[in-house]
């Protein structure tokens, strides 16, 4: 079977991962735990959400462990308080682990896997695994855009890989 579709999926995730990493690397340390507009828009919180989402969805954490959310390194993202948010170094260390797991998971896909039907409980994502990948990419991109806006607010060019 061909890997034409699978290779495109991997390529786009690789670019999304590189963009997230690029943002994290240049984000000012002294602004990483500070709100940007309101308490929701704290760079560490948004970055932690991206990392934990990639870990759960792309790397398979949700599928592999029903208690995945409760085992997150800094606690569940939903409802996390500012005092429990990771600093930039801790978030980057977690992101490194997440990216590695996600790439390992994606390395195992082929076109048959990309076009496989989704189980009924995932129907909101589409008819095939490709629909899930596109939905996951939307989630990552949405929050990457938020972080890029925060970079601009701090006088740093946005990152796009």
N, C-alpha and C. Protein backbone atom coordinates (compact mmCIF):
# COMPACT_ATOMS: atom_id res chain seq x y z
N UNK A 1 0.85 -1.19 0.00
CA UNK A 1 0.00 0.00 0.00
C UNK A 1 0.88 1.24 0.00
N UNK A 2 0.41 2.26 -0.59
CA UNK A 2 1.12 3.53 -0.68
C UNK A 2 1.19 4.24 0.66
N UNK A 3 2.16 5.09 0.80
CA UNK A 3 2.28 5.94 1.99
C UNK A 3 2.13 7.41 1.62
N UNK A 4 1.58 7.70 0.46
CA UNK A 4 1.44 9.07 -0.01
C UNK A 4 0.67 9.94 0.98
N UNK A 5 -0.49 9.50 1.42
CA UNK A 5 -1.28 10.26 2.39
C UNK A 5 -0.61 10.29 3.76
N UNK A 6 -0.12 9.15 4.19
CA UNK A 6 0.53 9.06 5.50
C UNK A 6 1.75 9.98 5.56
N UNK A 7 2.50 10.04 4.47
CA UNK A 7 3.66 10.94 4.46
C UNK A 7 3.25 12.40 4.58
N UNK A 8 2.14 12.78 3.93
CA UNK A 8 1.64 14.15 4.06
C UNK A 8 1.19 14.43 5.49
N UNK A 9 0.52 13.48 6.10
CA UNK A 9 0.08 13.65 7.50
C UNK A 9 1.30 13.86 8.39
N UNK A 10 2.30 13.01 8.26
CA UNK A 10 3.52 13.15 9.07
C UNK A 10 4.19 14.50 8.83
N UNK A 11 4.28 14.90 7.57
CA UNK A 11 4.94 16.16 7.22
C UNK A 11 4.23 17.35 7.88
N UNK A 12 2.91 17.37 7.83
CA UNK A 12 2.18 18.50 8.41
C UNK A 12 2.27 18.51 9.93
N UNK A 13 2.23 17.33 10.56
CA UNK A 13 2.43 17.28 12.01
C UNK A 13 3.84 17.71 12.37
N UNK A 14 4.83 17.27 11.60
CA UNK A 14 6.21 17.69 11.86
C UNK A 14 6.33 19.21 11.84
N UNK A 15 5.69 19.84 10.86
CA UNK A 15 5.74 21.31 10.77
C UNK A 15 5.02 21.96 11.95
N UNK A 16 3.87 21.41 12.31
CA UNK A 16 3.14 21.95 13.46
C UNK A 16 3.96 21.81 14.74
N UNK A 17 4.59 20.66 14.92
CA UNK A 17 5.42 20.44 16.10
C UNK A 17 6.59 21.41 16.11
N UNK A 18 7.21 21.63 14.95
CA UNK A 18 8.35 22.55 14.86
C UNK A 18 7.92 23.98 15.17
N UNK A 19 6.72 24.36 14.76
CA UNK A 19 6.22 25.69 15.06
C UNK A 19 6.02 25.85 16.56
N UNK A 20 5.40 24.88 17.19
CA UNK A 20 5.21 24.95 18.64
C UNK A 20 6.56 25.06 19.34
N UNK A 21 7.50 24.20 18.96
CA UNK A 21 8.83 24.22 19.57
C UNK A 21 9.50 25.58 19.35
N UNK A 22 9.41 26.11 18.15
CA UNK A 22 10.00 27.41 17.85
C UNK A 22 9.43 28.51 18.73
N UNK A 23 8.13 28.49 18.94
CA UNK A 23 7.50 29.48 19.81
C UNK A 23 8.01 29.33 21.23
N UNK A 24 8.04 28.11 21.71
CA UNK A 24 8.50 27.87 23.09
C UNK A 24 9.94 28.33 23.28
N UNK A 25 10.77 28.09 22.29
CA UNK A 25 12.18 28.46 22.42
C UNK A 25 12.40 29.96 22.50
N UNK A 26 11.60 30.74 21.78
CA UNK A 26 11.83 32.19 21.76
C UNK A 26 10.95 32.96 22.74
N UNK A 27 9.98 32.28 23.35
CA UNK A 27 9.07 33.01 24.24
C UNK A 27 9.86 33.56 25.42
N UNK A 28 9.66 34.83 25.76
CA UNK A 28 10.41 35.42 26.88
C UNK A 28 10.09 34.70 28.20
N UNK A 29 11.14 34.28 28.85
CA UNK A 29 11.00 33.55 30.12
C UNK A 29 10.17 34.36 31.13
N UNK A 30 10.42 35.65 31.20
CA UNK A 30 9.75 36.48 32.21
C UNK A 30 8.28 36.73 31.88
N UNK A 31 7.82 36.34 30.69
CA UNK A 31 6.41 36.52 30.30
C UNK A 31 5.66 35.19 30.20
N UNK A 32 6.35 34.08 30.41
CA UNK A 32 5.78 32.76 30.18
C UNK A 32 4.67 32.41 31.18
N UNK A 33 4.75 32.93 32.37
CA UNK A 33 3.73 32.63 33.39
C UNK A 33 2.83 33.82 33.68
N UNK A 34 2.90 34.83 32.81
CA UNK A 34 2.11 36.05 33.01
C UNK A 34 0.89 36.07 32.10
N UNK A 35 -0.27 36.51 32.61
CA UNK A 35 -1.46 36.64 31.75
C UNK A 35 -1.23 37.65 30.63
N UNK A 36 -1.80 37.34 29.50
CA UNK A 36 -1.78 38.24 28.34
C UNK A 36 -3.23 38.60 28.02
N UNK A 37 -3.76 39.55 28.73
CA UNK A 37 -5.14 39.97 28.52
C UNK A 37 -6.07 39.51 29.62
N UNK A 38 -6.07 38.23 29.93
CA UNK A 38 -6.86 37.72 31.05
C UNK A 38 -6.24 36.42 31.56
N UNK A 39 -6.81 35.87 32.60
CA UNK A 39 -6.23 34.68 33.25
C UNK A 39 -6.21 33.43 32.37
N UNK A 40 -7.01 33.39 31.33
CA UNK A 40 -6.97 32.24 30.43
C UNK A 40 -5.73 32.28 29.56
N UNK A 41 -5.33 33.46 29.13
CA UNK A 41 -4.24 33.60 28.17
C UNK A 41 -2.90 33.74 28.88
N UNK A 42 -2.50 32.66 29.53
CA UNK A 42 -1.17 32.56 30.14
C UNK A 42 -0.38 31.62 29.22
N UNK A 43 0.73 32.09 28.67
CA UNK A 43 1.47 31.25 27.71
C UNK A 43 1.74 29.83 28.21
N UNK A 44 2.15 29.68 29.44
CA UNK A 44 2.41 28.34 29.97
C UNK A 44 1.17 27.46 29.91
N UNK A 45 0.02 28.04 30.22
CA UNK A 45 -1.23 27.28 30.20
C UNK A 45 -1.59 26.85 28.79
N UNK A 46 -1.48 27.76 27.84
CA UNK A 46 -1.80 27.43 26.44
C UNK A 46 -0.80 26.39 25.91
N UNK A 47 0.47 26.59 26.20
CA UNK A 47 1.50 25.64 25.75
C UNK A 47 1.31 24.27 26.39
N UNK A 48 0.93 24.25 27.67
CA UNK A 48 0.68 22.97 28.35
C UNK A 48 -0.52 22.28 27.72
N UNK A 49 -1.53 23.05 27.38
CA UNK A 49 -2.70 22.46 26.71
C UNK A 49 -2.29 21.84 25.38
N UNK A 50 -1.50 22.55 24.59
CA UNK A 50 -1.05 22.00 23.30
C UNK A 50 -0.27 20.70 23.53
N UNK A 51 0.68 20.73 24.45
CA UNK A 51 1.51 19.54 24.70
C UNK A 51 0.67 18.37 25.19
N UNK A 52 -0.22 18.62 26.14
CA UNK A 52 -1.03 17.52 26.67
C UNK A 52 -2.03 17.01 25.63
N UNK A 53 -2.52 17.91 24.77
CA UNK A 53 -3.40 17.47 23.69
C UNK A 53 -2.65 16.58 22.71
N UNK A 54 -1.47 17.00 22.29
CA UNK A 54 -0.66 16.18 21.38
C UNK A 54 -0.38 14.83 22.03
N UNK A 55 -0.05 14.84 23.31
CA UNK A 55 0.24 13.61 24.03
C UNK A 55 -0.97 12.68 24.05
N UNK A 56 -2.13 13.25 24.31
CA UNK A 56 -3.34 12.43 24.39
C UNK A 56 -3.87 11.98 23.06
N UNK A 57 -3.91 12.89 22.09
CA UNK A 57 -4.53 12.56 20.80
C UNK A 57 -3.52 11.94 19.84
N UNK A 58 -2.50 12.69 19.47
CA UNK A 58 -1.56 12.24 18.43
C UNK A 58 -0.68 11.09 18.93
N UNK A 59 -0.17 11.22 20.14
CA UNK A 59 0.71 10.16 20.68
C UNK A 59 -0.08 8.98 21.24
N UNK A 60 -1.40 9.11 21.32
CA UNK A 60 -2.24 7.97 21.70
C UNK A 60 -2.53 7.80 23.17
N UNK A 61 -2.18 8.78 23.98
CA UNK A 61 -2.41 8.66 25.43
C UNK A 61 -3.85 8.38 25.80
N UNK A 62 -4.81 9.05 25.15
CA UNK A 62 -6.23 8.83 25.45
C UNK A 62 -6.64 7.39 25.12
N UNK A 63 -6.12 6.88 24.02
CA UNK A 63 -6.46 5.53 23.57
C UNK A 63 -5.79 4.46 24.44
N UNK A 64 -4.57 4.72 24.87
CA UNK A 64 -3.78 3.72 25.58
C UNK A 64 -4.08 3.65 27.07
N UNK A 65 -4.57 4.74 27.64
CA UNK A 65 -4.76 4.78 29.10
C UNK A 65 -6.02 5.56 29.43
N UNK A 66 -7.05 4.89 29.95
CA UNK A 66 -8.29 5.60 30.28
C UNK A 66 -8.10 6.67 31.36
N UNK A 67 -7.04 6.58 32.12
CA UNK A 67 -6.76 7.57 33.17
C UNK A 67 -5.70 8.58 32.73
N UNK A 68 -5.50 8.70 31.43
CA UNK A 68 -4.46 9.56 30.90
C UNK A 68 -4.51 10.97 31.47
N UNK A 69 -5.68 11.59 31.47
CA UNK A 69 -5.80 12.98 31.92
C UNK A 69 -5.31 13.17 33.35
N UNK A 70 -5.63 12.23 34.20
CA UNK A 70 -5.27 12.37 35.61
C UNK A 70 -3.78 12.13 35.87
N UNK A 71 -3.07 11.63 34.87
CA UNK A 71 -1.65 11.32 35.03
C UNK A 71 -0.73 12.34 34.36
N UNK A 72 -1.28 13.47 33.95
CA UNK A 72 -0.47 14.50 33.32
C UNK A 72 0.57 15.03 34.31
N UNK A 73 1.75 15.39 33.85
CA UNK A 73 2.85 15.74 34.76
C UNK A 73 2.60 16.97 35.64
N UNK A 74 1.75 17.88 35.19
CA UNK A 74 1.46 19.08 35.99
C UNK A 74 -0.01 19.11 36.40
N UNK A 75 -0.67 17.96 36.31
CA UNK A 75 -2.09 17.87 36.61
C UNK A 75 -2.90 18.05 35.34
N UNK A 76 -4.20 17.85 35.47
CA UNK A 76 -5.07 18.05 34.32
C UNK A 76 -5.03 19.49 33.86
N UNK A 77 -5.03 19.67 32.55
CA UNK A 77 -5.00 21.03 32.02
C UNK A 77 -6.26 21.78 32.39
N UNK A 78 -7.42 21.15 32.24
CA UNK A 78 -8.68 21.81 32.58
C UNK A 78 -8.68 22.15 34.06
N UNK A 79 -8.83 23.42 34.36
CA UNK A 79 -8.90 23.84 35.75
C UNK A 79 -7.56 24.01 36.44
N UNK A 80 -6.46 23.91 35.69
CA UNK A 80 -5.15 24.07 36.33
C UNK A 80 -5.02 25.50 36.85
N UNK A 81 -4.45 25.61 38.03
CA UNK A 81 -4.27 26.93 38.63
C UNK A 81 -2.89 27.46 38.27
N UNK A 82 -2.79 28.76 38.29
CA UNK A 82 -1.56 29.44 37.87
C UNK A 82 -0.34 28.95 38.66
N UNK A 83 -0.52 28.65 39.93
CA UNK A 83 0.61 28.21 40.76
C UNK A 83 1.12 26.82 40.40
N UNK A 84 0.34 26.05 39.63
CA UNK A 84 0.77 24.70 39.22
C UNK A 84 1.30 24.66 37.80
N UNK A 85 1.25 25.78 37.10
CA UNK A 85 1.73 25.80 35.71
C UNK A 85 3.25 25.62 35.65
N UNK A 86 3.72 24.90 34.64
CA UNK A 86 5.16 24.69 34.50
C UNK A 86 5.89 25.93 34.00
N UNK A 87 7.13 26.09 34.46
CA UNK A 87 7.95 27.15 33.88
C UNK A 87 8.38 26.71 32.48
N UNK A 88 9.07 27.57 31.78
CA UNK A 88 9.43 27.31 30.39
C UNK A 88 10.32 26.06 30.26
N UNK A 89 11.31 25.90 31.12
CA UNK A 89 12.21 24.75 31.04
C UNK A 89 11.46 23.44 31.27
N UNK A 90 10.57 23.42 32.24
CA UNK A 90 9.80 22.21 32.54
C UNK A 90 8.85 21.88 31.40
N UNK A 91 8.22 22.90 30.83
CA UNK A 91 7.31 22.67 29.71
C UNK A 91 8.07 22.15 28.50
N UNK A 92 9.23 22.72 28.21
CA UNK A 92 10.04 22.24 27.08
C UNK A 92 10.47 20.79 27.28
N UNK A 93 10.82 20.41 28.50
CA UNK A 93 11.21 19.02 28.77
C UNK A 93 10.03 18.08 28.50
N UNK A 94 8.85 18.45 28.97
CA UNK A 94 7.66 17.65 28.71
C UNK A 94 7.36 17.62 27.21
N UNK A 95 7.46 18.77 26.55
CA UNK A 95 7.18 18.83 25.12
C UNK A 95 8.13 17.91 24.33
N UNK A 96 9.39 17.86 24.72
CA UNK A 96 10.34 16.96 24.05
C UNK A 96 9.85 15.51 24.12
N UNK A 97 9.38 15.09 25.29
CA UNK A 97 8.87 13.72 25.46
C UNK A 97 7.64 13.49 24.61
N UNK A 98 6.74 14.47 24.62
CA UNK A 98 5.49 14.37 23.87
C UNK A 98 5.77 14.28 22.37
N UNK A 99 6.62 15.16 21.87
CA UNK A 99 6.92 15.15 20.44
C UNK A 99 7.53 13.81 20.02
N UNK A 100 8.40 13.27 20.84
CA UNK A 100 9.01 11.97 20.53
C UNK A 100 7.94 10.87 20.46
N UNK A 101 7.03 10.84 21.45
CA UNK A 101 5.97 9.83 21.44
C UNK A 101 5.04 10.01 20.23
N UNK A 102 4.71 11.25 19.91
CA UNK A 102 3.81 11.51 18.78
C UNK A 102 4.46 11.07 17.47
N UNK A 103 5.73 11.38 17.29
CA UNK A 103 6.41 11.00 16.06
C UNK A 103 6.54 9.48 15.94
N UNK A 104 6.76 8.81 17.07
CA UNK A 104 6.80 7.34 17.05
C UNK A 104 5.45 6.77 16.62
N UNK A 105 4.38 7.34 17.14
CA UNK A 105 3.03 6.89 16.77
C UNK A 105 2.77 7.14 15.29
N UNK A 106 3.12 8.31 14.81
CA UNK A 106 2.89 8.66 13.40
C UNK A 106 3.77 7.85 12.46
N UNK A 107 4.93 7.42 12.92
CA UNK A 107 5.83 6.61 12.08
C UNK A 107 5.18 5.29 11.67
N UNK A 108 4.23 4.82 12.47
CA UNK A 108 3.59 3.54 12.21
C UNK A 108 2.37 3.58 11.31
N UNK A 109 2.02 4.76 10.79
CA UNK A 109 0.82 4.82 9.94
C UNK A 109 1.17 4.65 8.47
N UNK A 110 0.20 4.14 7.73
CA UNK A 110 0.30 4.06 6.28
C UNK A 110 -1.03 4.57 5.71
N UNK A 111 -1.18 4.55 4.40
CA UNK A 111 -2.40 5.09 3.80
C UNK A 111 -3.65 4.33 4.24
N UNK A 112 -3.52 3.04 4.48
CA UNK A 112 -4.67 2.27 4.94
C UNK A 112 -5.12 2.77 6.32
N UNK A 113 -4.18 3.09 7.18
CA UNK A 113 -4.52 3.61 8.50
C UNK A 113 -5.15 5.00 8.41
N UNK A 114 -4.63 5.82 7.51
CA UNK A 114 -5.14 7.19 7.34
C UNK A 114 -6.59 7.17 6.85
N UNK A 115 -6.92 6.22 5.99
CA UNK A 115 -8.27 6.16 5.41
C UNK A 115 -9.20 5.21 6.15
N UNK A 116 -8.73 4.63 7.25
CA UNK A 116 -9.55 3.70 8.02
C UNK A 116 -10.75 4.43 8.63
N UNK A 117 -11.86 3.74 8.70
CA UNK A 117 -13.08 4.30 9.29
C UNK A 117 -12.87 4.53 10.79
N UNK A 118 -13.42 5.64 11.26
CA UNK A 118 -13.38 5.93 12.70
C UNK A 118 -14.47 5.14 13.40
N UNK A 119 -14.23 4.77 14.65
CA UNK A 119 -15.30 4.12 15.41
C UNK A 119 -16.44 5.10 15.67
N UNK A 120 -17.64 4.61 15.90
CA UNK A 120 -18.81 5.48 16.07
C UNK A 120 -18.63 6.56 17.14
N UNK A 121 -17.91 6.27 18.20
CA UNK A 121 -17.73 7.27 19.27
C UNK A 121 -16.87 8.46 18.83
N UNK A 122 -16.22 8.35 17.70
CA UNK A 122 -15.41 9.46 17.18
C UNK A 122 -16.06 10.12 15.96
N UNK A 123 -17.31 9.85 15.70
CA UNK A 123 -17.99 10.32 14.49
C UNK A 123 -17.95 11.84 14.35
N UNK A 124 -17.86 12.58 15.44
CA UNK A 124 -17.82 14.04 15.35
C UNK A 124 -16.57 14.53 14.64
N UNK A 125 -15.53 13.67 14.55
CA UNK A 125 -14.27 14.03 13.91
C UNK A 125 -14.30 13.79 12.40
N UNK A 126 -15.25 13.00 11.92
CA UNK A 126 -15.31 12.68 10.50
C UNK A 126 -15.52 11.19 10.30
N UNK A 127 -15.44 10.78 9.07
CA UNK A 127 -15.68 9.37 8.75
C UNK A 127 -14.40 8.53 8.82
N UNK A 128 -13.23 9.17 8.64
CA UNK A 128 -11.98 8.42 8.59
C UNK A 128 -10.96 9.00 9.58
N UNK A 129 -9.89 8.28 9.75
CA UNK A 129 -8.80 8.75 10.62
C UNK A 129 -8.25 10.07 10.12
N UNK A 130 -8.29 10.29 8.80
CA UNK A 130 -7.85 11.57 8.27
C UNK A 130 -8.66 12.72 8.87
N UNK A 131 -9.95 12.51 9.06
CA UNK A 131 -10.77 13.52 9.72
C UNK A 131 -10.28 13.83 11.12
N UNK A 132 -9.89 12.80 11.85
CA UNK A 132 -9.34 13.01 13.20
C UNK A 132 -8.03 13.79 13.12
N UNK A 133 -7.15 13.41 12.21
CA UNK A 133 -5.89 14.14 12.06
C UNK A 133 -6.13 15.62 11.75
N UNK A 134 -7.08 15.88 10.86
CA UNK A 134 -7.39 17.28 10.52
C UNK A 134 -7.96 18.02 11.73
N UNK A 135 -8.81 17.37 12.49
CA UNK A 135 -9.36 17.98 13.70
C UNK A 135 -8.28 18.26 14.73
N UNK A 136 -7.36 17.33 14.88
CA UNK A 136 -6.25 17.52 15.83
C UNK A 136 -5.38 18.68 15.38
N UNK A 137 -5.14 18.76 14.08
CA UNK A 137 -4.33 19.85 13.54
C UNK A 137 -5.01 21.20 13.78
N UNK A 138 -6.32 21.23 13.65
CA UNK A 138 -7.07 22.47 13.93
C UNK A 138 -6.86 22.90 15.38
N UNK A 139 -6.95 21.95 16.30
CA UNK A 139 -6.77 22.26 17.73
C UNK A 139 -5.37 22.81 18.00
N UNK A 140 -4.37 22.13 17.49
CA UNK A 140 -2.98 22.57 17.68
C UNK A 140 -2.79 23.96 17.06
N UNK A 141 -3.28 24.15 15.85
CA UNK A 141 -3.10 25.42 15.14
C UNK A 141 -3.82 26.57 15.82
N UNK A 142 -4.99 26.31 16.34
CA UNK A 142 -5.75 27.35 17.05
C UNK A 142 -4.91 27.91 18.20
N UNK A 143 -4.37 27.03 19.01
CA UNK A 143 -3.62 27.49 20.18
C UNK A 143 -2.22 27.98 19.82
N UNK A 144 -1.66 27.47 18.73
CA UNK A 144 -0.40 28.01 18.24
C UNK A 144 -0.58 29.47 17.84
N UNK A 145 -1.71 29.76 17.22
CA UNK A 145 -2.02 31.14 16.86
C UNK A 145 -2.11 32.04 18.08
N UNK A 146 -2.70 31.52 19.16
CA UNK A 146 -2.77 32.30 20.40
C UNK A 146 -1.38 32.62 20.92
N UNK A 147 -0.51 31.62 20.92
CA UNK A 147 0.86 31.85 21.40
C UNK A 147 1.61 32.82 20.50
N UNK A 148 1.40 32.70 19.19
CA UNK A 148 2.06 33.64 18.28
C UNK A 148 1.58 35.07 18.52
N UNK A 149 0.30 35.25 18.79
CA UNK A 149 -0.20 36.59 19.10
C UNK A 149 0.48 37.13 20.36
N UNK A 150 0.67 36.27 21.34
CA UNK A 150 1.35 36.69 22.57
C UNK A 150 2.80 37.06 22.30
N UNK A 151 3.45 36.34 21.38
CA UNK A 151 4.81 36.71 21.00
C UNK A 151 4.84 38.13 20.43
N UNK A 152 3.92 38.41 19.53
CA UNK A 152 3.85 39.73 18.91
C UNK A 152 3.61 40.80 19.97
N UNK A 153 2.74 40.50 20.95
CA UNK A 153 2.49 41.44 22.04
C UNK A 153 3.75 41.73 22.85
N UNK A 154 4.69 40.80 22.80
CA UNK A 154 5.96 40.97 23.51
C UNK A 154 7.08 41.47 22.60
N UNK A 155 6.72 41.93 21.39
CA UNK A 155 7.70 42.52 20.49
C UNK A 155 8.56 41.52 19.76
N UNK A 156 8.10 40.28 19.64
CA UNK A 156 8.86 39.22 18.97
C UNK A 156 8.06 38.76 17.76
N UNK A 157 8.75 38.52 16.66
CA UNK A 157 8.06 38.04 15.45
C UNK A 157 7.40 36.69 15.71
N UNK A 158 6.27 36.47 15.04
CA UNK A 158 5.60 35.18 15.17
C UNK A 158 6.46 34.10 14.51
N UNK A 159 6.18 32.86 14.86
CA UNK A 159 6.93 31.72 14.37
C UNK A 159 6.05 30.88 13.47
N UNK A 160 6.53 30.56 12.31
CA UNK A 160 5.81 29.71 11.37
C UNK A 160 6.83 28.83 10.66
N UNK A 161 6.79 27.56 10.92
CA UNK A 161 7.75 26.61 10.33
C UNK A 161 7.12 25.86 9.18
